[in-house]
Amino acid sequence: MSDEETGNDDFPDFKGKPDVEEDGFTTSEIGISIGFILLIAGFILGLIRLMALNGETNQADFNNNLEQLYLGYLIMFVGILITTVIGFGGMFKRTISSFTSSQD
């Protein structure tokens, strides 16, 4: 059977929710962008310092590069934390509220 034979009145057209039109950037988009930039900057800093640690023999340079490697790890962690909290913030709030409401 073809669609022409059955008639189109039996199945109404699906009309989804219209797209929300936004002007400019939202605060969550800006926050996620900042977190992503921190993540990339920490990765690049860590990679540069890790490559510098490969050939160093001087103890002072080794310690300096190691501290900057740890700084790169910290920057990456902050970027991941910001991106995760902003991106999944609503889900975290619902999860925590479900735990607190079940204890009552």
N, C-alpha and C. Protein backbone atom coordinates (compact mmCIF):
# COMPACT_ATOMS: atom_id res chain seq x y z
N MET A 1 0.83 -1.18 0.00
CA MET A 1 0.00 0.00 0.00
C MET A 1 0.87 1.24 0.00
N SER A 2 0.46 2.20 -0.70
CA SER A 2 1.20 3.45 -0.73
C SER A 2 0.52 4.47 0.17
N ASP A 3 1.21 5.56 0.41
CA ASP A 3 0.64 6.62 1.24
C ASP A 3 -0.59 7.27 0.60
N GLU A 4 -0.62 7.25 -0.71
CA GLU A 4 -1.74 7.87 -1.40
C GLU A 4 -3.03 7.09 -1.17
N GLU A 5 -2.92 5.78 -1.02
CA GLU A 5 -4.11 4.96 -0.86
C GLU A 5 -4.67 5.03 0.55
N THR A 6 -3.79 5.14 1.58
CA THR A 6 -4.27 5.11 2.96
C THR A 6 -4.81 6.46 3.41
N GLY A 7 -4.38 7.51 2.83
CA GLY A 7 -4.84 8.83 3.23
C GLY A 7 -3.92 9.39 4.31
N ASN A 8 -3.73 10.69 4.30
CA ASN A 8 -2.83 11.35 5.23
C ASN A 8 -3.54 11.86 6.47
N ASP A 9 -4.87 11.71 6.56
CA ASP A 9 -5.61 12.23 7.70
C ASP A 9 -5.43 11.37 8.94
N ASP A 10 -5.03 10.14 8.78
CA ASP A 10 -4.86 9.25 9.93
C ASP A 10 -3.64 9.60 10.76
N PHE A 11 -2.62 10.15 10.16
CA PHE A 11 -1.38 10.47 10.86
C PHE A 11 -1.12 11.97 10.77
N PRO A 12 -1.35 12.69 11.86
CA PRO A 12 -1.09 14.14 11.80
C PRO A 12 0.42 14.41 11.73
N ASP A 13 0.74 15.54 11.17
CA ASP A 13 2.15 15.93 11.05
C ASP A 13 2.72 16.19 12.43
N PHE A 14 3.96 15.77 12.62
CA PHE A 14 4.65 16.02 13.89
C PHE A 14 5.18 17.44 13.88
N LYS A 15 4.85 18.17 14.89
CA LYS A 15 5.34 19.54 15.01
C LYS A 15 6.12 19.62 16.31
N GLY A 16 7.43 19.73 16.22
CA GLY A 16 8.29 19.81 17.39
C GLY A 16 8.31 21.21 17.97
N LYS A 17 8.99 21.30 19.06
CA LYS A 17 9.14 22.58 19.75
C LYS A 17 10.03 23.49 18.90
N PRO A 18 9.67 24.74 18.69
CA PRO A 18 10.52 25.62 17.86
C PRO A 18 11.84 25.91 18.56
N ASP A 19 12.86 26.14 17.77
CA ASP A 19 14.18 26.47 18.30
C ASP A 19 14.14 27.82 18.99
N VAL A 20 14.87 27.89 20.10
CA VAL A 20 14.95 29.14 20.84
C VAL A 20 15.98 30.02 20.16
N GLU A 21 15.60 31.24 19.88
CA GLU A 21 16.52 32.17 19.25
C GLU A 21 17.19 33.01 20.32
N GLU A 22 18.52 33.00 20.31
CA GLU A 22 19.28 33.74 21.29
C GLU A 22 20.19 34.73 20.57
N ASP A 23 20.29 35.91 21.16
CA ASP A 23 21.19 36.92 20.61
C ASP A 23 22.46 36.92 21.46
N GLY A 24 23.61 36.71 20.85
CA GLY A 24 24.87 36.75 21.57
C GLY A 24 25.15 35.45 22.32
N PHE A 25 26.11 35.54 23.23
CA PHE A 25 26.53 34.38 24.00
C PHE A 25 25.84 34.37 25.35
N THR A 26 25.50 33.17 25.82
CA THR A 26 24.93 33.04 27.15
C THR A 26 26.05 32.90 28.17
N THR A 27 25.71 33.04 29.44
CA THR A 27 26.74 32.94 30.48
C THR A 27 27.30 31.53 30.57
N SER A 28 26.48 30.52 30.32
CA SER A 28 27.00 29.15 30.37
C SER A 28 27.96 28.88 29.20
N GLU A 29 27.67 29.44 28.03
CA GLU A 29 28.59 29.27 26.90
C GLU A 29 29.93 29.95 27.18
N ILE A 30 29.89 31.12 27.80
CA ILE A 30 31.13 31.82 28.13
C ILE A 30 31.91 31.04 29.17
N GLY A 31 31.23 30.51 30.18
CA GLY A 31 31.90 29.72 31.22
C GLY A 31 32.53 28.46 30.68
N ILE A 32 31.81 27.76 29.82
CA ILE A 32 32.35 26.54 29.22
C ILE A 32 33.53 26.88 28.32
N SER A 33 33.47 27.99 27.61
CA SER A 33 34.60 28.41 26.77
C SER A 33 35.83 28.71 27.60
N ILE A 34 35.65 29.39 28.73
CA ILE A 34 36.78 29.69 29.61
C ILE A 34 37.38 28.40 30.16
N GLY A 35 36.53 27.47 30.57
CA GLY A 35 37.02 26.18 31.06
C GLY A 35 37.77 25.41 30.00
N PHE A 36 37.27 25.45 28.77
CA PHE A 36 37.94 24.75 27.67
C PHE A 36 39.29 25.39 27.36
N ILE A 37 39.36 26.72 27.40
CA ILE A 37 40.62 27.42 27.15
C ILE A 37 41.63 27.07 28.24
N LEU A 38 41.18 27.02 29.50
CA LEU A 38 42.08 26.62 30.58
C LEU A 38 42.57 25.19 30.40
N LEU A 39 41.70 24.32 29.96
CA LEU A 39 42.07 22.93 29.71
C LEU A 39 43.15 22.82 28.65
N ILE A 40 42.97 23.52 27.54
CA ILE A 40 43.95 23.49 26.46
C ILE A 40 45.26 24.14 26.89
N ALA A 41 45.19 25.27 27.61
CA ALA A 41 46.41 25.96 28.06
C ALA A 41 47.19 25.09 29.03
N GLY A 42 46.51 24.43 29.95
CA GLY A 42 47.19 23.54 30.89
C GLY A 42 47.84 22.36 30.19
N PHE A 43 47.17 21.82 29.17
CA PHE A 43 47.73 20.71 28.42
C PHE A 43 49.00 21.14 27.68
N ILE A 44 48.95 22.30 27.04
CA ILE A 44 50.11 22.78 26.29
C ILE A 44 51.27 23.07 27.23
N LEU A 45 51.00 23.75 28.36
CA LEU A 45 52.05 24.03 29.33
C LEU A 45 52.65 22.74 29.88
N GLY A 46 51.80 21.79 30.21
CA GLY A 46 52.29 20.51 30.73
C GLY A 46 53.11 19.75 29.70
N LEU A 47 52.68 19.77 28.46
CA LEU A 47 53.41 19.06 27.41
C LEU A 47 54.78 19.68 27.17
N ILE A 48 54.86 21.00 27.17
CA ILE A 48 56.14 21.69 26.98
C ILE A 48 57.09 21.36 28.13
N ARG A 49 56.57 21.40 29.35
CA ARG A 49 57.42 21.13 30.52
C ARG A 49 57.80 19.66 30.60
N LEU A 50 56.94 18.77 30.16
CA LEU A 50 57.26 17.35 30.16
C LEU A 50 58.37 17.06 29.16
N MET A 51 58.33 17.71 28.01
CA MET A 51 59.40 17.53 27.03
C MET A 51 60.70 18.15 27.53
N ALA A 52 60.61 19.25 28.29
CA ALA A 52 61.81 19.88 28.84
C ALA A 52 62.43 19.01 29.93
N LEU A 53 61.62 18.25 30.65
CA LEU A 53 62.15 17.36 31.69
C LEU A 53 62.93 16.19 31.12
N ASN A 54 62.69 15.89 29.86
CA ASN A 54 63.32 14.73 29.25
C ASN A 54 64.83 14.85 29.16
N GLY A 55 65.36 16.05 28.90
CA GLY A 55 66.79 16.17 28.66
C GLY A 55 67.55 16.97 29.70
N GLU A 56 66.91 17.44 30.76
CA GLU A 56 67.58 18.29 31.74
C GLU A 56 68.49 17.48 32.66
N THR A 57 69.67 18.06 32.93
CA THR A 57 70.57 17.45 33.90
C THR A 57 70.79 18.36 35.11
N ASN A 58 70.54 19.65 34.95
CA ASN A 58 70.71 20.61 36.03
C ASN A 58 69.53 20.46 37.01
N GLN A 59 69.83 20.35 38.31
CA GLN A 59 68.79 20.11 39.30
C GLN A 59 67.84 21.29 39.45
N ALA A 60 68.35 22.52 39.36
CA ALA A 60 67.50 23.71 39.50
C ALA A 60 66.52 23.81 38.33
N ASP A 61 66.99 23.55 37.12
CA ASP A 61 66.09 23.57 35.96
C ASP A 61 65.08 22.44 36.03
N PHE A 62 65.52 21.28 36.52
CA PHE A 62 64.62 20.14 36.66
C PHE A 62 63.49 20.46 37.64
N ASN A 63 63.83 21.04 38.78
CA ASN A 63 62.82 21.39 39.77
C ASN A 63 61.86 22.46 39.25
N ASN A 64 62.39 23.45 38.52
CA ASN A 64 61.55 24.50 37.95
C ASN A 64 60.58 23.92 36.93
N ASN A 65 61.07 23.05 36.06
CA ASN A 65 60.20 22.44 35.05
C ASN A 65 59.17 21.52 35.70
N LEU A 66 59.56 20.83 36.77
CA LEU A 66 58.62 19.96 37.45
C LEU A 66 57.50 20.75 38.13
N GLU A 67 57.85 21.89 38.73
CA GLU A 67 56.83 22.74 39.34
C GLU A 67 55.87 23.29 38.28
N GLN A 68 56.40 23.67 37.12
CA GLN A 68 55.53 24.17 36.06
C GLN A 68 54.68 23.05 35.46
N LEU A 69 55.17 21.83 35.47
CA LEU A 69 54.37 20.69 35.03
C LEU A 69 53.19 20.50 35.97
N TYR A 70 53.43 20.60 37.27
CA TYR A 70 52.36 20.50 38.24
C TYR A 70 51.36 21.65 38.08
N LEU A 71 51.85 22.83 37.75
CA LEU A 71 50.97 23.97 37.49
C LEU A 71 50.08 23.69 36.27
N GLY A 72 50.66 23.08 35.24
CA GLY A 72 49.87 22.70 34.06
C GLY A 72 48.78 21.70 34.42
N TYR A 73 49.10 20.73 35.29
CA TYR A 73 48.09 19.78 35.75
C TYR A 73 46.98 20.48 36.52
N LEU A 74 47.35 21.43 37.36
CA LEU A 74 46.36 22.17 38.14
C LEU A 74 45.45 23.00 37.25
N ILE A 75 46.02 23.65 36.25
CA ILE A 75 45.22 24.45 35.31
C ILE A 75 44.26 23.55 34.54
N MET A 76 44.73 22.37 34.12
CA MET A 76 43.85 21.43 33.43
C MET A 76 42.72 20.97 34.34
N PHE A 77 43.03 20.70 35.61
CA PHE A 77 42.00 20.25 36.55
C PHE A 77 40.95 21.33 36.76
N VAL A 78 41.36 22.59 36.88
CA VAL A 78 40.41 23.69 37.07
C VAL A 78 39.54 23.83 35.82
N GLY A 79 40.13 23.71 34.63
CA GLY A 79 39.35 23.78 33.39
C GLY A 79 38.33 22.66 33.28
N ILE A 80 38.73 21.45 33.65
CA ILE A 80 37.80 20.32 33.63
C ILE A 80 36.68 20.53 34.64
N LEU A 81 37.03 21.02 35.82
CA LEU A 81 36.05 21.25 36.87
C LEU A 81 35.03 22.31 36.45
N ILE A 82 35.49 23.43 35.89
CA ILE A 82 34.58 24.49 35.44
C ILE A 82 33.66 23.98 34.34
N THR A 83 34.22 23.30 33.36
CA THR A 83 33.43 22.80 32.24
C THR A 83 32.40 21.78 32.70
N THR A 84 32.79 20.91 33.62
CA THR A 84 31.87 19.88 34.10
C THR A 84 30.74 20.47 34.93
N VAL A 85 31.07 21.37 35.84
CA VAL A 85 30.03 21.94 36.70
C VAL A 85 29.04 22.76 35.90
N ILE A 86 29.52 23.56 34.96
CA ILE A 86 28.61 24.37 34.16
C ILE A 86 27.83 23.50 33.17
N GLY A 87 28.51 22.56 32.54
CA GLY A 87 27.85 21.72 31.54
C GLY A 87 26.83 20.77 32.12
N PHE A 88 27.14 20.20 33.28
CA PHE A 88 26.24 19.23 33.89
C PHE A 88 25.65 19.74 35.19
N GLY A 89 25.60 21.04 35.39
CA GLY A 89 25.14 21.63 36.64
C GLY A 89 23.72 21.23 37.01
N GLY A 90 22.82 21.25 36.06
CA GLY A 90 21.43 20.87 36.33
C GLY A 90 21.30 19.43 36.74
N MET A 91 22.09 18.58 36.11
CA MET A 91 22.05 17.16 36.47
C MET A 91 22.59 16.95 37.89
N PHE A 92 23.66 17.67 38.25
CA PHE A 92 24.20 17.56 39.60
C PHE A 92 23.18 18.03 40.64
N LYS A 93 22.50 19.13 40.36
CA LYS A 93 21.51 19.65 41.30
C LYS A 93 20.37 18.67 41.49
N ARG A 94 19.89 18.07 40.41
CA ARG A 94 18.79 17.09 40.52
C ARG A 94 19.24 15.85 41.29
N THR A 95 20.48 15.42 41.07
CA THR A 95 20.98 14.24 41.78
C THR A 95 21.08 14.51 43.27
N ILE A 96 21.66 15.64 43.63
CA ILE A 96 21.81 15.97 45.05
C ILE A 96 20.44 16.17 45.70
N SER A 97 19.52 16.81 45.00
CA SER A 97 18.19 17.00 45.58
C SER A 97 17.46 15.68 45.72
N SER A 98 17.70 14.72 44.84
CA SER A 98 17.06 13.41 44.99
C SER A 98 17.61 12.65 46.18
N PHE A 99 18.89 12.82 46.49
CA PHE A 99 19.46 12.19 47.68
C PHE A 99 18.93 12.83 48.96
N THR A 100 18.81 14.14 48.96
CA THR A 100 18.35 14.82 50.18
C THR A 100 16.86 14.61 50.42
N SER A 101 16.07 14.48 49.38
CA SER A 101 14.64 14.28 49.56
C SER A 101 14.31 12.86 49.98
N SER A 102 15.15 11.88 49.64
CA SER A 102 14.90 10.50 50.01
C SER A 102 15.20 10.23 51.48
N GLN A 103 15.97 11.10 52.12
CA GLN A 103 16.31 10.90 53.51
C GLN A 103 15.23 11.39 54.45
N ASP A 104 14.29 12.17 53.96
CA ASP A 104 13.22 12.71 54.81
C ASP A 104 12.23 11.66 55.22
